[in-house]
Amino acid sequence: MPIQAKWPQSVSAGAPQGRVVLLLLIDESGAVTEVSVVEAVPAGYFEESALAATRAARFTPGSKDGRIVKSRVLMELNYGVPEAVGR
């Protein structure tokens, strides 16, 4: 299931589109134990929304040689202009 990051309420609908690249540490159960912003374009708009969305997500844990292991993953979240209400 794709991650659905919310459009931040503090960002107006006329704000620029953007993207956030995150580095995640996923444990053996598929939970995100660490997350950090690698890049955000434009900076200062979407980072908190992206962090909150990935912290709440669950993933299929990584495996190596048939064993479930912790893994680091780079993830990019893209933010487009939100759809108008009532459409």
N, C-alpha and C. Protein backbone atom coordinates (compact mmCIF):
# COMPACT_ATOMS: atom_id res chain seq x y z
N MET A 1 0.83 -1.17 0.00
CA MET A 1 0.00 0.00 0.00
C MET A 1 0.89 1.25 0.00
N PRO A 2 0.64 2.18 -0.92
CA PRO A 2 1.47 3.38 -0.97
C PRO A 2 1.25 4.27 0.25
N ILE A 3 2.27 5.03 0.59
CA ILE A 3 2.17 5.97 1.70
C ILE A 3 1.40 7.18 1.22
N GLN A 4 0.42 7.60 2.00
CA GLN A 4 -0.39 8.76 1.67
C GLN A 4 -0.05 9.88 2.65
N ALA A 5 0.92 10.70 2.29
CA ALA A 5 1.28 11.84 3.13
C ALA A 5 0.25 12.94 2.93
N LYS A 6 -0.16 13.55 4.00
CA LYS A 6 -1.18 14.60 3.94
C LYS A 6 -0.56 15.92 3.51
N TRP A 7 -1.33 16.70 2.74
CA TRP A 7 -0.92 18.05 2.38
C TRP A 7 -0.97 18.88 3.67
N PRO A 8 0.14 19.50 4.07
CA PRO A 8 0.15 20.24 5.33
C PRO A 8 -0.87 21.39 5.34
N GLN A 9 -1.61 21.53 6.43
CA GLN A 9 -2.61 22.59 6.54
C GLN A 9 -1.96 23.97 6.50
N SER A 10 -0.71 24.05 6.93
CA SER A 10 -0.02 25.35 6.95
C SER A 10 0.44 25.79 5.56
N VAL A 11 0.32 24.90 4.57
CA VAL A 11 0.75 25.21 3.21
C VAL A 11 -0.49 25.47 2.37
N SER A 12 -0.58 26.63 1.77
CA SER A 12 -1.76 26.96 0.97
C SER A 12 -1.78 26.14 -0.32
N ALA A 13 -2.96 26.02 -0.90
CA ALA A 13 -3.12 25.24 -2.13
C ALA A 13 -2.33 25.84 -3.28
N GLY A 14 -2.00 27.13 -3.21
CA GLY A 14 -1.23 27.76 -4.26
C GLY A 14 0.27 27.59 -4.10
N ALA A 15 0.68 26.89 -3.05
CA ALA A 15 2.10 26.67 -2.79
C ALA A 15 2.70 25.77 -3.85
N PRO A 16 3.99 25.78 -3.95
CA PRO A 16 4.64 24.96 -4.97
C PRO A 16 4.47 23.47 -4.70
N GLN A 17 4.60 22.72 -5.75
CA GLN A 17 4.67 21.27 -5.59
C GLN A 17 6.04 20.95 -5.02
N GLY A 18 6.20 19.76 -4.50
CA GLY A 18 7.49 19.46 -3.92
C GLY A 18 7.75 17.98 -3.78
N ARG A 19 8.92 17.70 -3.25
CA ARG A 19 9.29 16.31 -2.98
C ARG A 19 10.21 16.28 -1.77
N VAL A 20 10.16 15.16 -1.07
CA VAL A 20 11.00 14.96 0.10
C VAL A 20 11.63 13.58 -0.03
N VAL A 21 12.95 13.52 0.11
CA VAL A 21 13.67 12.25 0.10
C VAL A 21 14.04 11.94 1.54
N LEU A 22 13.70 10.73 1.97
CA LEU A 22 13.91 10.31 3.35
C LEU A 22 14.78 9.07 3.41
N LEU A 23 15.54 8.95 4.49
CA LEU A 23 16.30 7.73 4.78
C LEU A 23 15.62 7.06 5.95
N LEU A 24 15.17 5.82 5.74
CA LEU A 24 14.44 5.08 6.78
C LEU A 24 15.25 3.89 7.24
N LEU A 25 15.18 3.60 8.53
CA LEU A 25 15.69 2.35 9.09
C LEU A 25 14.47 1.54 9.46
N ILE A 26 14.34 0.37 8.84
CA ILE A 26 13.18 -0.50 9.05
C ILE A 26 13.67 -1.73 9.82
N ASP A 27 13.00 -2.03 10.94
CA ASP A 27 13.43 -3.18 11.74
C ASP A 27 12.87 -4.49 11.22
N GLU A 28 13.17 -5.57 11.93
CA GLU A 28 12.78 -6.91 11.49
C GLU A 28 11.28 -7.14 11.49
N SER A 29 10.52 -6.29 12.17
CA SER A 29 9.06 -6.44 12.17
C SER A 29 8.40 -5.56 11.10
N GLY A 30 9.19 -4.73 10.41
CA GLY A 30 8.64 -3.86 9.37
C GLY A 30 8.31 -2.46 9.87
N ALA A 31 8.63 -2.17 11.12
CA ALA A 31 8.37 -0.84 11.69
C ALA A 31 9.53 0.10 11.38
N VAL A 32 9.21 1.37 11.20
CA VAL A 32 10.24 2.39 10.98
C VAL A 32 10.77 2.80 12.35
N THR A 33 12.07 2.59 12.57
CA THR A 33 12.66 2.94 13.87
C THR A 33 13.43 4.25 13.81
N GLU A 34 13.87 4.65 12.63
CA GLU A 34 14.54 5.92 12.45
C GLU A 34 14.15 6.47 11.09
N VAL A 35 14.03 7.79 11.00
CA VAL A 35 13.76 8.43 9.71
C VAL A 35 14.38 9.82 9.73
N SER A 36 15.02 10.19 8.62
CA SER A 36 15.61 11.51 8.52
C SER A 36 15.42 12.05 7.11
N VAL A 37 15.38 13.36 7.00
CA VAL A 37 15.22 14.02 5.71
C VAL A 37 16.60 14.13 5.06
N VAL A 38 16.70 13.62 3.83
CA VAL A 38 17.93 13.71 3.05
C VAL A 38 17.89 14.96 2.18
N GLU A 39 16.71 15.22 1.60
CA GLU A 39 16.54 16.37 0.71
C GLU A 39 15.07 16.77 0.70
N ALA A 40 14.83 18.06 0.62
CA ALA A 40 13.46 18.57 0.49
C ALA A 40 13.47 19.74 -0.49
N VAL A 41 12.61 19.64 -1.50
CA VAL A 41 12.51 20.68 -2.52
C VAL A 41 11.05 21.04 -2.69
N PRO A 42 10.65 22.28 -2.39
CA PRO A 42 11.41 23.33 -1.72
C PRO A 42 11.52 23.04 -0.22
N ALA A 43 12.55 23.55 0.38
CA ALA A 43 12.78 23.32 1.81
C ALA A 43 11.75 24.08 2.64
N GLY A 44 11.34 23.45 3.75
CA GLY A 44 10.48 24.12 4.71
C GLY A 44 8.99 23.94 4.51
N TYR A 45 8.57 23.16 3.52
CA TYR A 45 7.14 23.01 3.26
C TYR A 45 6.59 21.65 3.70
N PHE A 46 7.23 20.57 3.28
CA PHE A 46 6.60 19.25 3.37
C PHE A 46 7.32 18.25 4.29
N GLU A 47 8.39 18.66 4.92
CA GLU A 47 9.20 17.72 5.71
C GLU A 47 8.42 17.08 6.85
N GLU A 48 7.71 17.87 7.65
CA GLU A 48 6.99 17.31 8.80
C GLU A 48 5.90 16.33 8.37
N SER A 49 5.20 16.64 7.31
CA SER A 49 4.17 15.73 6.79
C SER A 49 4.79 14.42 6.33
N ALA A 50 5.92 14.50 5.64
CA ALA A 50 6.60 13.30 5.16
C ALA A 50 7.12 12.45 6.31
N LEU A 51 7.69 13.10 7.32
CA LEU A 51 8.19 12.36 8.48
C LEU A 51 7.06 11.65 9.21
N ALA A 52 5.95 12.34 9.41
CA ALA A 52 4.81 11.74 10.12
C ALA A 52 4.24 10.56 9.34
N ALA A 53 4.13 10.70 8.03
CA ALA A 53 3.57 9.63 7.20
C ALA A 53 4.44 8.38 7.24
N THR A 54 5.76 8.55 7.17
CA THR A 54 6.63 7.37 7.14
C THR A 54 6.78 6.74 8.53
N ARG A 55 6.73 7.54 9.57
CA ARG A 55 6.80 6.97 10.93
C ARG A 55 5.61 6.07 11.21
N ALA A 56 4.47 6.38 10.64
CA ALA A 56 3.25 5.59 10.88
C ALA A 56 3.13 4.39 9.94
N ALA A 57 3.97 4.31 8.95
CA ALA A 57 3.86 3.24 7.93
C ALA A 57 4.45 1.92 8.43
N ARG A 58 3.99 0.85 7.82
CA ARG A 58 4.55 -0.49 8.06
C ARG A 58 5.05 -1.01 6.73
N PHE A 59 6.17 -1.71 6.77
CA PHE A 59 6.81 -2.23 5.56
C PHE A 59 7.05 -3.72 5.68
N THR A 60 7.27 -4.35 4.57
CA THR A 60 7.72 -5.74 4.57
C THR A 60 9.20 -5.70 4.93
N PRO A 61 9.61 -6.41 5.97
CA PRO A 61 11.02 -6.34 6.37
C PRO A 61 11.94 -6.89 5.29
N GLY A 62 13.18 -6.40 5.32
CA GLY A 62 14.18 -6.89 4.37
C GLY A 62 14.63 -8.29 4.74
N SER A 63 15.25 -8.96 3.78
CA SER A 63 15.80 -10.29 4.06
C SER A 63 17.15 -10.44 3.36
N LYS A 64 17.99 -11.25 3.98
CA LYS A 64 19.30 -11.56 3.41
C LYS A 64 19.61 -13.01 3.75
N ASP A 65 19.92 -13.75 2.73
CA ASP A 65 20.23 -15.18 2.89
C ASP A 65 19.12 -15.92 3.64
N GLY A 66 17.87 -15.54 3.35
CA GLY A 66 16.72 -16.21 3.94
C GLY A 66 16.38 -15.76 5.35
N ARG A 67 17.10 -14.78 5.87
CA ARG A 67 16.84 -14.29 7.23
C ARG A 67 16.26 -12.88 7.15
N ILE A 68 15.34 -12.57 8.04
CA ILE A 68 14.78 -11.23 8.12
C ILE A 68 15.79 -10.33 8.83
N VAL A 69 16.06 -9.16 8.23
CA VAL A 69 17.08 -8.26 8.77
C VAL A 69 16.57 -6.82 8.78
N LYS A 70 17.24 -5.98 9.56
CA LYS A 70 17.00 -4.55 9.51
C LYS A 70 17.49 -4.05 8.15
N SER A 71 16.90 -2.97 7.67
CA SER A 71 17.36 -2.44 6.40
C SER A 71 17.22 -0.92 6.36
N ARG A 72 18.04 -0.31 5.56
CA ARG A 72 17.96 1.14 5.31
C ARG A 72 17.41 1.32 3.91
N VAL A 73 16.47 2.26 3.79
CA VAL A 73 15.80 2.48 2.52
C VAL A 73 15.71 3.97 2.25
N LEU A 74 16.02 4.38 1.02
CA LEU A 74 15.75 5.75 0.60
C LEU A 74 14.37 5.77 -0.01
N MET A 75 13.56 6.76 0.37
CA MET A 75 12.20 6.85 -0.15
C MET A 75 11.94 8.29 -0.56
N GLU A 76 11.27 8.45 -1.70
CA GLU A 76 10.90 9.78 -2.17
C GLU A 76 9.39 9.92 -2.13
N LEU A 77 8.92 11.00 -1.48
CA LEU A 77 7.50 11.32 -1.47
C LEU A 77 7.30 12.59 -2.29
N ASN A 78 6.35 12.55 -3.21
CA ASN A 78 6.06 13.69 -4.06
C ASN A 78 4.75 14.33 -3.65
N TYR A 79 4.75 15.63 -3.62
CA TYR A 79 3.57 16.42 -3.25
C TYR A 79 3.12 17.20 -4.47
N GLY A 80 1.88 16.94 -4.89
CA GLY A 80 1.28 17.71 -5.97
C GLY A 80 0.26 18.66 -5.38
N VAL A 81 -0.33 19.46 -6.22
CA VAL A 81 -1.35 20.41 -5.76
C VAL A 81 -2.57 19.61 -5.31
N PRO A 82 -3.08 19.87 -4.09
CA PRO A 82 -4.25 19.11 -3.62
C PRO A 82 -5.48 19.42 -4.46
N GLU A 83 -6.36 18.43 -4.58
CA GLU A 83 -7.60 18.62 -5.34
C GLU A 83 -8.53 19.57 -4.61
N ALA A 84 -9.29 20.33 -5.35
CA ALA A 84 -10.22 21.28 -4.74
C ALA A 84 -11.33 20.53 -4.04
N VAL A 85 -11.78 21.06 -2.92
CA VAL A 85 -12.88 20.46 -2.16
C VAL A 85 -14.18 20.63 -2.95
N GLY A 86 -15.00 19.61 -2.98
CA GLY A 86 -16.30 19.68 -3.64
C GLY A 86 -16.27 19.31 -5.11
N ARG A 87 -15.17 18.82 -5.58
CA ARG A 87 -15.10 18.40 -6.99
C ARG A 87 -15.64 17.02 -7.14
